[in-house]
Amino acid sequence: MQYNFSNFKTEINKVSEYLSKEYSQLNIGRASPMILDGISVESYGSYVSLKNVASISIEDPKTLRIAPWDKSQIKEIEKSITSANLGLSVAVDDAGIRVIFPQLTTETRQKLVKVLKEKLEEARITVRRERERIWNDVQAQEENDKITEDDKFRAKEDLQKIIDEINKKLEDIFEKKEKEVLG
C-alpha cells in the first residue's frame, strides 16, 4: 500500500501561501492596501480590523487614501497606523487620512531583502518540520507492518520530490519579491 501524501501537500501549500501573504505586507515603496491588513483600530470599545471601519483605496503609486465611515474615528486610525511602525507617513485632511509610502533608500532595500530572507528561512524550517513529521509517520507504519520496506523507500523518494517542489516554489516567491524590492 502506498503512503498518502494528500494532507501533507495541502499543509505544505499553506506554507507558500503564508510566505506570499507575509511578503505582501512589507513596505516596498509602492502603495499597497495589504500592508494595512494587520492593523486594528479601537472602535466603540473593541479592536477591529482597519478595513472594517474605513475604505482603503490607492490614490497614486505612493499614496493610499483611508476614508473612515465615521469621521470621529480619524484620530484613532491615525494613532493605530503610526503605532504599527510600518515606516509610513500619515497625513490627516478633511476627507480622511493619506498614507504616504516613502521612497526606499539603498540601505532600506538591503534591510528589506534581509527580512525577506528571514521569512524565507522561517518557511523552510516549517517545511523541514513537516517533512520530519511525515517521515516519522512512514517509518512507524513500516514498523507496524502497514506498509512494506519497498513502499517506505518509495514514499521517501516521493516525499523528497514534494519537498524539492515546495522549496523551488518558495525560492521563486522570494526571487520575485527580491526583484521588486531592489527595483
N, C-alpha and C. Protein backbone atom coordinates (compact mmCIF):
# COMPACT_ATOMS: atom_id res chain seq x y z
N MET A 1 0.84 -1.20 0.00
CA MET A 1 0.00 0.00 0.00
C MET A 1 0.88 1.25 0.00
N GLN A 2 0.56 2.17 -0.86
CA GLN A 2 1.36 3.39 -0.96
C GLN A 2 0.95 4.41 0.09
N TYR A 3 1.92 5.24 0.52
CA TYR A 3 1.65 6.26 1.52
C TYR A 3 0.86 7.41 0.89
N ASN A 4 -0.11 7.94 1.62
CA ASN A 4 -0.98 9.01 1.13
C ASN A 4 -0.40 10.38 1.54
N PHE A 5 0.02 11.16 0.55
CA PHE A 5 0.63 12.48 0.80
C PHE A 5 -0.34 13.64 0.64
N SER A 6 -1.63 13.38 0.42
CA SER A 6 -2.56 14.47 0.10
C SER A 6 -2.66 15.50 1.22
N ASN A 7 -2.77 15.08 2.48
CA ASN A 7 -2.83 16.04 3.60
C ASN A 7 -1.52 16.82 3.71
N PHE A 8 -0.43 16.12 3.49
CA PHE A 8 0.89 16.76 3.55
C PHE A 8 1.00 17.84 2.48
N LYS A 9 0.55 17.55 1.27
CA LYS A 9 0.62 18.53 0.18
C LYS A 9 -0.23 19.76 0.52
N THR A 10 -1.39 19.53 1.10
CA THR A 10 -2.26 20.64 1.49
C THR A 10 -1.56 21.52 2.52
N GLU A 11 -0.99 20.88 3.55
CA GLU A 11 -0.30 21.63 4.60
C GLU A 11 0.91 22.39 4.05
N ILE A 12 1.63 21.76 3.18
CA ILE A 12 2.86 22.35 2.65
C ILE A 12 2.53 23.53 1.74
N ASN A 13 1.40 23.47 1.02
CA ASN A 13 0.99 24.59 0.17
C ASN A 13 0.58 25.80 1.01
N LYS A 14 0.11 25.54 2.23
CA LYS A 14 -0.22 26.65 3.13
C LYS A 14 1.03 27.45 3.48
N VAL A 15 2.17 26.79 3.49
CA VAL A 15 3.43 27.48 3.80
C VAL A 15 3.74 28.51 2.71
N SER A 16 3.58 28.14 1.45
CA SER A 16 3.86 29.09 0.36
C SER A 16 2.83 30.22 0.35
N GLU A 17 1.57 29.91 0.68
CA GLU A 17 0.55 30.96 0.78
C GLU A 17 0.89 31.93 1.91
N TYR A 18 1.35 31.37 3.03
CA TYR A 18 1.72 32.20 4.17
C TYR A 18 2.89 33.12 3.80
N LEU A 19 3.89 32.57 3.11
CA LEU A 19 5.05 33.37 2.72
C LEU A 19 4.63 34.50 1.78
N SER A 20 3.77 34.20 0.82
CA SER A 20 3.27 35.23 -0.10
C SER A 20 2.54 36.32 0.66
N LYS A 21 1.72 35.93 1.64
CA LYS A 21 0.97 36.91 2.43
C LYS A 21 1.92 37.77 3.25
N GLU A 22 2.91 37.15 3.86
CA GLU A 22 3.90 37.90 4.65
C GLU A 22 4.63 38.91 3.77
N TYR A 23 5.03 38.49 2.58
CA TYR A 23 5.73 39.38 1.66
C TYR A 23 4.84 40.53 1.21
N SER A 24 3.55 40.26 1.02
CA SER A 24 2.65 41.31 0.54
C SER A 24 2.44 42.39 1.59
N GLN A 25 2.71 42.08 2.85
CA GLN A 25 2.52 43.06 3.92
C GLN A 25 3.76 43.89 4.19
N LEU A 26 4.81 43.71 3.40
CA LEU A 26 6.02 44.51 3.58
C LEU A 26 5.95 45.77 2.75
N ASN A 27 6.47 46.86 3.30
CA ASN A 27 6.52 48.13 2.59
C ASN A 27 7.69 48.11 1.60
N ILE A 28 7.37 48.06 0.32
CA ILE A 28 8.43 48.07 -0.69
C ILE A 28 8.43 49.37 -1.48
N GLY A 29 7.86 50.42 -0.88
CA GLY A 29 7.90 51.73 -1.51
C GLY A 29 6.78 51.99 -2.49
N ARG A 30 5.87 51.04 -2.63
CA ARG A 30 4.72 51.20 -3.51
C ARG A 30 3.46 51.06 -2.70
N ALA A 31 2.47 51.89 -2.96
CA ALA A 31 1.22 51.85 -2.21
C ALA A 31 0.53 50.51 -2.38
N SER A 32 0.27 49.85 -1.27
CA SER A 32 -0.42 48.57 -1.28
C SER A 32 -1.31 48.49 -0.05
N PRO A 33 -2.62 48.37 -0.25
CA PRO A 33 -3.53 48.29 0.90
C PRO A 33 -3.24 47.09 1.80
N MET A 34 -2.63 46.05 1.26
CA MET A 34 -2.37 44.84 2.04
C MET A 34 -1.43 45.09 3.22
N ILE A 35 -0.61 46.11 3.12
CA ILE A 35 0.31 46.41 4.22
C ILE A 35 -0.46 46.81 5.48
N LEU A 36 -1.69 47.27 5.32
CA LEU A 36 -2.51 47.70 6.46
C LEU A 36 -3.40 46.58 7.00
N ASP A 37 -3.31 45.38 6.44
CA ASP A 37 -4.17 44.27 6.86
C ASP A 37 -4.04 43.92 8.34
N GLY A 38 -2.86 44.04 8.89
CA GLY A 38 -2.65 43.65 10.27
C GLY A 38 -2.99 44.72 11.30
N ILE A 39 -3.48 45.86 10.85
CA ILE A 39 -3.73 46.98 11.76
C ILE A 39 -5.15 46.90 12.34
N SER A 40 -5.22 47.01 13.67
CA SER A 40 -6.51 47.04 14.37
C SER A 40 -6.73 48.43 14.94
N VAL A 41 -7.98 48.84 14.93
CA VAL A 41 -8.34 50.17 15.42
C VAL A 41 -9.34 50.01 16.55
N GLU A 42 -9.17 50.82 17.61
CA GLU A 42 -10.15 50.78 18.69
C GLU A 42 -11.40 51.52 18.20
N SER A 43 -12.50 50.79 18.18
CA SER A 43 -13.75 51.37 17.69
C SER A 43 -14.87 51.01 18.65
N TYR A 44 -15.41 52.01 19.32
CA TYR A 44 -16.52 51.83 20.25
C TYR A 44 -16.23 50.75 21.29
N GLY A 45 -15.02 50.79 21.85
CA GLY A 45 -14.68 49.90 22.95
C GLY A 45 -14.07 48.57 22.59
N SER A 46 -13.97 48.23 21.32
CA SER A 46 -13.33 46.98 20.95
C SER A 46 -12.39 47.21 19.76
N TYR A 47 -11.45 46.30 19.58
CA TYR A 47 -10.50 46.42 18.48
C TYR A 47 -11.01 45.66 17.27
N VAL A 48 -11.05 46.37 16.13
CA VAL A 48 -11.49 45.77 14.88
C VAL A 48 -10.47 46.09 13.79
N SER A 49 -10.51 45.30 12.75
CA SER A 49 -9.60 45.49 11.62
C SER A 49 -9.88 46.85 10.96
N LEU A 50 -8.82 47.48 10.47
CA LEU A 50 -8.95 48.79 9.82
C LEU A 50 -9.95 48.75 8.67
N LYS A 51 -9.93 47.67 7.89
CA LYS A 51 -10.83 47.59 6.74
C LYS A 51 -12.30 47.47 7.13
N ASN A 52 -12.57 47.23 8.44
CA ASN A 52 -13.96 47.17 8.91
C ASN A 52 -14.50 48.53 9.35
N VAL A 53 -13.62 49.54 9.43
CA VAL A 53 -14.08 50.87 9.87
C VAL A 53 -13.84 51.95 8.81
N ALA A 54 -13.19 51.58 7.69
CA ALA A 54 -12.88 52.57 6.67
C ALA A 54 -12.68 51.90 5.31
N SER A 55 -12.84 52.69 4.27
CA SER A 55 -12.49 52.17 2.94
C SER A 55 -11.06 52.59 2.65
N ILE A 56 -10.33 51.69 2.01
CA ILE A 56 -8.92 51.94 1.69
C ILE A 56 -8.78 51.87 0.19
N SER A 57 -8.24 52.93 -0.40
CA SER A 57 -8.05 52.94 -1.85
C SER A 57 -6.67 53.49 -2.20
N ILE A 58 -6.23 53.18 -3.40
CA ILE A 58 -4.93 53.68 -3.87
C ILE A 58 -5.17 54.99 -4.58
N GLU A 59 -4.55 56.06 -4.06
CA GLU A 59 -4.72 57.38 -4.65
C GLU A 59 -3.73 57.59 -5.80
N ASP A 60 -2.50 57.22 -5.59
CA ASP A 60 -1.46 57.24 -6.62
C ASP A 60 -0.43 56.17 -6.23
N PRO A 61 0.61 55.94 -7.05
CA PRO A 61 1.54 54.85 -6.75
C PRO A 61 2.24 54.93 -5.38
N LYS A 62 2.25 56.07 -4.76
CA LYS A 62 2.93 56.24 -3.48
C LYS A 62 1.98 56.58 -2.32
N THR A 63 0.66 56.63 -2.59
CA THR A 63 -0.27 57.11 -1.57
C THR A 63 -1.53 56.25 -1.49
N LEU A 64 -1.92 55.95 -0.26
CA LEU A 64 -3.21 55.31 -0.01
C LEU A 64 -4.15 56.34 0.60
N ARG A 65 -5.42 56.21 0.32
CA ARG A 65 -6.43 57.09 0.91
C ARG A 65 -7.31 56.22 1.81
N ILE A 66 -7.43 56.62 3.07
CA ILE A 66 -8.30 55.93 4.01
C ILE A 66 -9.46 56.86 4.34
N ALA A 67 -10.66 56.40 4.02
CA ALA A 67 -11.86 57.20 4.28
C ALA A 67 -12.71 56.48 5.33
N PRO A 68 -12.62 56.93 6.58
CA PRO A 68 -13.41 56.27 7.64
C PRO A 68 -14.90 56.52 7.44
N TRP A 69 -15.70 55.51 7.78
CA TRP A 69 -17.14 55.67 7.65
C TRP A 69 -17.68 56.59 8.75
N ASP A 70 -16.98 56.63 9.86
CA ASP A 70 -17.34 57.54 10.95
C ASP A 70 -16.15 58.49 11.13
N LYS A 71 -16.34 59.76 10.78
CA LYS A 71 -15.24 60.74 10.81
C LYS A 71 -14.62 60.89 12.21
N SER A 72 -15.37 60.54 13.27
CA SER A 72 -14.81 60.65 14.62
C SER A 72 -13.71 59.61 14.87
N GLN A 73 -13.55 58.67 13.97
CA GLN A 73 -12.54 57.62 14.10
C GLN A 73 -11.17 58.02 13.52
N ILE A 74 -11.08 59.16 12.86
CA ILE A 74 -9.85 59.56 12.17
C ILE A 74 -8.64 59.54 13.11
N LYS A 75 -8.76 60.15 14.29
CA LYS A 75 -7.62 60.21 15.22
C LYS A 75 -7.19 58.81 15.66
N GLU A 76 -8.16 57.94 15.90
CA GLU A 76 -7.86 56.57 16.34
C GLU A 76 -7.16 55.79 15.23
N ILE A 77 -7.61 55.96 13.99
CA ILE A 77 -6.98 55.30 12.85
C ILE A 77 -5.55 55.81 12.67
N GLU A 78 -5.38 57.13 12.74
CA GLU A 78 -4.04 57.71 12.61
C GLU A 78 -3.11 57.15 13.68
N LYS A 79 -3.59 57.07 14.90
CA LYS A 79 -2.79 56.55 16.01
C LYS A 79 -2.40 55.08 15.77
N SER A 80 -3.33 54.28 15.28
CA SER A 80 -3.07 52.86 15.04
C SER A 80 -2.03 52.65 13.94
N ILE A 81 -2.12 53.42 12.87
CA ILE A 81 -1.16 53.29 11.77
C ILE A 81 0.22 53.74 12.22
N THR A 82 0.28 54.85 12.96
CA THR A 82 1.56 55.36 13.43
C THR A 82 2.20 54.38 14.41
N SER A 83 1.42 53.82 15.33
CA SER A 83 1.97 52.92 16.33
C SER A 83 2.35 51.56 15.74
N ALA A 84 1.85 51.23 14.54
CA ALA A 84 2.22 49.97 13.88
C ALA A 84 3.66 49.99 13.41
N ASN A 85 4.26 51.20 13.34
CA ASN A 85 5.67 51.35 12.99
C ASN A 85 6.02 50.67 11.66
N LEU A 86 5.27 51.00 10.62
CA LEU A 86 5.49 50.43 9.29
C LEU A 86 6.40 51.29 8.42
N GLY A 87 6.85 52.41 8.95
CA GLY A 87 7.71 53.30 8.17
C GLY A 87 6.93 54.13 7.17
N LEU A 88 5.67 54.38 7.46
CA LEU A 88 4.80 55.14 6.56
C LEU A 88 4.51 56.51 7.16
N SER A 89 4.32 57.49 6.29
CA SER A 89 3.93 58.83 6.75
C SER A 89 2.41 58.92 6.71
N VAL A 90 1.84 59.57 7.71
CA VAL A 90 0.39 59.71 7.81
C VAL A 90 0.04 61.19 7.81
N ALA A 91 -0.91 61.58 6.95
CA ALA A 91 -1.37 62.97 6.90
C ALA A 91 -2.90 62.98 6.96
N VAL A 92 -3.42 63.76 7.89
CA VAL A 92 -4.87 63.86 8.06
C VAL A 92 -5.37 65.09 7.31
N ASP A 93 -6.48 64.92 6.59
CA ASP A 93 -7.13 66.07 5.95
C ASP A 93 -8.64 65.95 6.17
N ASP A 94 -9.42 66.85 5.58
CA ASP A 94 -10.86 66.85 5.85
C ASP A 94 -11.59 65.62 5.31
N ALA A 95 -11.06 64.94 4.31
CA ALA A 95 -11.72 63.78 3.73
C ALA A 95 -11.31 62.47 4.39
N GLY A 96 -10.26 62.47 5.19
CA GLY A 96 -9.80 61.24 5.82
C GLY A 96 -8.31 61.27 6.09
N ILE A 97 -7.65 60.20 5.75
CA ILE A 97 -6.22 60.06 6.03
C ILE A 97 -5.50 59.64 4.76
N ARG A 98 -4.35 60.24 4.55
CA ARG A 98 -3.45 59.84 3.47
C ARG A 98 -2.29 59.08 4.10
N VAL A 99 -1.98 57.93 3.55
CA VAL A 99 -0.82 57.16 3.99
C VAL A 99 0.19 57.22 2.85
N ILE A 100 1.34 57.83 3.13
CA ILE A 100 2.35 58.06 2.09
C ILE A 100 3.50 57.07 2.27
N PHE A 101 3.84 56.40 1.19
CA PHE A 101 4.93 55.43 1.19
C PHE A 101 6.21 56.16 0.78
N PRO A 102 7.20 56.24 1.66
CA PRO A 102 8.43 56.96 1.32
C PRO A 102 9.26 56.20 0.28
N GLN A 103 10.07 56.96 -0.44
CA GLN A 103 10.99 56.37 -1.41
C GLN A 103 12.02 55.55 -0.64
N LEU A 104 12.30 54.33 -1.12
CA LEU A 104 13.25 53.48 -0.42
C LEU A 104 14.69 53.85 -0.76
N THR A 105 15.53 53.88 0.26
CA THR A 105 16.95 54.12 0.04
C THR A 105 17.62 52.77 -0.20
N THR A 106 18.87 52.80 -0.64
CA THR A 106 19.63 51.57 -0.86
C THR A 106 19.74 50.78 0.44
N GLU A 107 19.99 51.50 1.52
CA GLU A 107 20.12 50.84 2.83
C GLU A 107 18.80 50.18 3.23
N THR A 108 17.69 50.86 3.02
CA THR A 108 16.38 50.31 3.35
C THR A 108 16.09 49.08 2.50
N ARG A 109 16.44 49.15 1.24
CA ARG A 109 16.23 48.00 0.34
C ARG A 109 17.02 46.78 0.82
N GLN A 110 18.27 47.02 1.25
CA GLN A 110 19.09 45.91 1.75
C GLN A 110 18.50 45.31 3.02
N LYS A 111 17.96 46.16 3.90
CA LYS A 111 17.31 45.67 5.11
C LYS A 111 16.07 44.85 4.76
N LEU A 112 15.33 45.32 3.76
CA LEU A 112 14.14 44.59 3.34
C LEU A 112 14.49 43.22 2.78
N VAL A 113 15.56 43.15 1.99
CA VAL A 113 15.99 41.86 1.44
C VAL A 113 16.38 40.92 2.58
N LYS A 114 16.99 41.47 3.62
CA LYS A 114 17.36 40.67 4.78
C LYS A 114 16.10 40.11 5.45
N VAL A 115 15.06 40.94 5.58
CA VAL A 115 13.79 40.50 6.16
C VAL A 115 13.16 39.42 5.27
N LEU A 116 13.23 39.63 3.95
CA LEU A 116 12.69 38.63 3.02
C LEU A 116 13.39 37.28 3.22
N LYS A 117 14.70 37.31 3.38
CA LYS A 117 15.47 36.07 3.59
C LYS A 117 15.09 35.40 4.91
N GLU A 118 14.87 36.21 5.94
CA GLU A 118 14.47 35.65 7.24
C GLU A 118 13.12 34.95 7.13
N LYS A 119 12.19 35.57 6.44
CA LYS A 119 10.86 34.98 6.28
C LYS A 119 10.93 33.71 5.41
N LEU A 120 11.81 33.72 4.41
CA LEU A 120 12.01 32.53 3.59
C LEU A 120 12.56 31.39 4.46
N GLU A 121 13.51 31.70 5.32
CA GLU A 121 14.10 30.67 6.19
C GLU A 121 13.06 30.12 7.16
N GLU A 122 12.18 30.99 7.69
CA GLU A 122 11.10 30.52 8.56
C GLU A 122 10.22 29.52 7.82
N ALA A 123 9.91 29.82 6.57
CA ALA A 123 9.08 28.93 5.76
C ALA A 123 9.80 27.60 5.52
N ARG A 124 11.09 27.66 5.24
CA ARG A 124 11.86 26.43 5.03
C ARG A 124 11.90 25.57 6.29
N ILE A 125 12.02 26.21 7.44
CA ILE A 125 12.03 25.46 8.71
C ILE A 125 10.70 24.75 8.90
N THR A 126 9.61 25.42 8.59
CA THR A 126 8.28 24.80 8.68
C THR A 126 8.19 23.60 7.76
N VAL A 127 8.71 23.74 6.54
CA VAL A 127 8.70 22.63 5.58
C VAL A 127 9.52 21.46 6.14
N ARG A 128 10.69 21.76 6.70
CA ARG A 128 11.53 20.68 7.26
C ARG A 128 10.82 19.96 8.41
N ARG A 129 10.14 20.74 9.25
CA ARG A 129 9.39 20.14 10.36
C ARG A 129 8.31 19.19 9.84
N GLU A 130 7.58 19.64 8.84
CA GLU A 130 6.53 18.81 8.25
C GLU A 130 7.12 17.56 7.61
N ARG A 131 8.24 17.72 6.91
CA ARG A 131 8.90 16.57 6.29
C ARG A 131 9.28 15.55 7.35
N GLU A 132 9.85 16.02 8.45
CA GLU A 132 10.26 15.14 9.54
C GLU A 132 9.05 14.40 10.13
N ARG A 133 7.96 15.13 10.31
CA ARG A 133 6.75 14.52 10.86
C ARG A 133 6.23 13.40 9.94
N ILE A 134 6.20 13.66 8.64
CA ILE A 134 5.72 12.67 7.67
C ILE A 134 6.67 11.47 7.62
N TRP A 135 7.97 11.73 7.62
CA TRP A 135 8.94 10.64 7.56
C TRP A 135 8.82 9.74 8.80
N ASN A 136 8.62 10.34 9.97
CA ASN A 136 8.42 9.55 11.18
C ASN A 136 7.16 8.70 11.08
N ASP A 137 6.11 9.25 10.47
CA ASP A 137 4.87 8.52 10.27
C ASP A 137 5.08 7.34 9.32
N VAL A 138 5.82 7.57 8.25
CA VAL A 138 6.11 6.49 7.28
C VAL A 138 6.87 5.36 7.98
N GLN A 139 7.88 5.72 8.77
CA GLN A 139 8.67 4.70 9.47
C GLN A 139 7.81 3.93 10.47
N ALA A 140 6.91 4.64 11.15
CA ALA A 140 6.03 3.98 12.12
C ALA A 140 5.09 3.00 11.41
N GLN A 141 4.60 3.39 10.25
CA GLN A 141 3.72 2.50 9.50
C GLN A 141 4.46 1.25 9.04
N GLU A 142 5.73 1.42 8.67
CA GLU A 142 6.51 0.26 8.26
C GLU A 142 6.75 -0.67 9.45
N GLU A 143 7.04 -0.10 10.62
CA GLU A 143 7.27 -0.89 11.82
C GLU A 143 6.00 -1.66 12.23
N ASN A 144 4.84 -1.07 11.98
CA ASN A 144 3.57 -1.71 12.32
C ASN A 144 3.03 -2.58 11.19
N ASP A 145 3.87 -2.83 10.19
CA ASP A 145 3.53 -3.69 9.04
C ASP A 145 2.33 -3.19 8.23
N LYS A 146 2.11 -1.87 8.24
CA LYS A 146 1.05 -1.30 7.41
C LYS A 146 1.54 -1.06 5.99
N ILE A 147 2.85 -0.82 5.85
CA ILE A 147 3.45 -0.69 4.51
C ILE A 147 4.73 -1.52 4.49
N THR A 148 5.15 -1.89 3.30
CA THR A 148 6.36 -2.70 3.16
C THR A 148 7.60 -1.81 3.15
N GLU A 149 8.76 -2.46 3.21
CA GLU A 149 10.01 -1.70 3.18
C GLU A 149 10.17 -1.00 1.83
N ASP A 150 9.77 -1.68 0.76
CA ASP A 150 9.83 -1.05 -0.57
C ASP A 150 8.93 0.19 -0.64
N ASP A 151 7.73 0.07 -0.05
CA ASP A 151 6.82 1.22 -0.01
C ASP A 151 7.43 2.37 0.79
N LYS A 152 8.15 2.01 1.85
CA LYS A 152 8.79 3.04 2.68
C LYS A 152 9.80 3.83 1.86
N PHE A 153 10.63 3.12 1.09
CA PHE A 153 11.64 3.82 0.29
C PHE A 153 11.02 4.58 -0.88
N ARG A 154 9.93 4.04 -1.43
CA ARG A 154 9.21 4.75 -2.48
C ARG A 154 8.60 6.03 -1.90
N ALA A 155 8.07 5.92 -0.68
CA ALA A 155 7.48 7.10 0.00
C ALA A 155 8.56 8.14 0.27
N LYS A 156 9.76 7.66 0.62
CA LYS A 156 10.86 8.60 0.88
C LYS A 156 11.21 9.38 -0.39
N GLU A 157 11.26 8.68 -1.53
CA GLU A 157 11.53 9.35 -2.81
C GLU A 157 10.43 10.34 -3.16
N ASP A 158 9.18 9.91 -2.99
CA ASP A 158 8.04 10.79 -3.29
C ASP A 158 8.06 12.02 -2.38
N LEU A 159 8.36 11.79 -1.11
CA LEU A 159 8.44 12.88 -0.14
C LEU A 159 9.51 13.88 -0.56
N GLN A 160 10.66 13.38 -0.99
CA GLN A 160 11.74 14.29 -1.41
C GLN A 160 11.35 15.09 -2.64
N LYS A 161 10.62 14.48 -3.57
CA LYS A 161 10.16 15.21 -4.77
C LYS A 161 9.23 16.36 -4.37
N ILE A 162 8.31 16.07 -3.43
CA ILE A 162 7.37 17.10 -2.97
C ILE A 162 8.14 18.23 -2.28
N ILE A 163 9.12 17.86 -1.45
CA ILE A 163 9.92 18.85 -0.74
C ILE A 163 10.71 19.70 -1.73
N ASP A 164 11.29 19.08 -2.74
CA ASP A 164 12.04 19.83 -3.75
C ASP A 164 11.13 20.81 -4.48
N GLU A 165 9.90 20.37 -4.80
CA GLU A 165 8.94 21.25 -5.48
C GLU A 165 8.59 22.47 -4.62
N ILE A 166 8.29 22.22 -3.36
CA ILE A 166 7.87 23.33 -2.49
C ILE A 166 9.04 24.28 -2.24
N ASN A 167 10.25 23.74 -2.09
CA ASN A 167 11.42 24.61 -1.89
C ASN A 167 11.66 25.47 -3.12
N LYS A 168 11.45 24.91 -4.30
CA LYS A 168 11.60 25.67 -5.55
C LYS A 168 10.53 26.77 -5.61
N LYS A 169 9.31 26.43 -5.20
CA LYS A 169 8.22 27.41 -5.20
C LYS A 169 8.52 28.55 -4.23
N LEU A 170 9.01 28.21 -3.02
CA LEU A 170 9.37 29.23 -2.04
C LEU A 170 10.49 30.12 -2.56
N GLU A 171 11.48 29.51 -3.19
CA GLU A 171 12.60 30.27 -3.76
C GLU A 171 12.13 31.21 -4.85
N ASP A 172 11.18 30.75 -5.69
CA ASP A 172 10.63 31.59 -6.76
C ASP A 172 9.88 32.80 -6.18
N ILE A 173 9.10 32.56 -5.11
CA ILE A 173 8.38 33.66 -4.45
C ILE A 173 9.37 34.68 -3.92
N PHE A 174 10.45 34.18 -3.29
CA PHE A 174 11.48 35.06 -2.74
C PHE A 174 12.16 35.88 -3.85
N GLU A 175 12.57 35.22 -4.92
CA GLU A 175 13.28 35.90 -6.00
C GLU A 175 12.41 36.98 -6.65
N LYS A 176 11.13 36.68 -6.83
CA LYS A 176 10.22 37.66 -7.42
C LYS A 176 10.11 38.89 -6.53
N LYS A 177 9.95 38.69 -5.23
CA LYS A 177 9.83 39.80 -4.29
C LYS A 177 11.15 40.56 -4.18
N GLU A 178 12.27 39.84 -4.22
CA GLU A 178 13.58 40.49 -4.15
C GLU A 178 13.78 41.43 -5.34
N LYS A 179 13.36 41.00 -6.52
CA LYS A 179 13.46 41.86 -7.71
C LYS A 179 12.61 43.13 -7.53
N GLU A 180 11.42 42.96 -6.95
CA GLU A 180 10.54 44.12 -6.69
C GLU A 180 11.22 45.10 -5.76
N VAL A 181 11.82 44.57 -4.68
CA VAL A 181 12.44 45.42 -3.67
C VAL A 181 13.66 46.15 -4.24
N LEU A 182 14.49 45.42 -4.96
CA LEU A 182 15.73 46.01 -5.48
C LEU A 182 15.48 46.89 -6.69
N GLY A 183 14.30 46.80 -7.25
CA GLY A 183 13.92 47.68 -8.36
C GLY A 183 14.51 47.20 -9.61
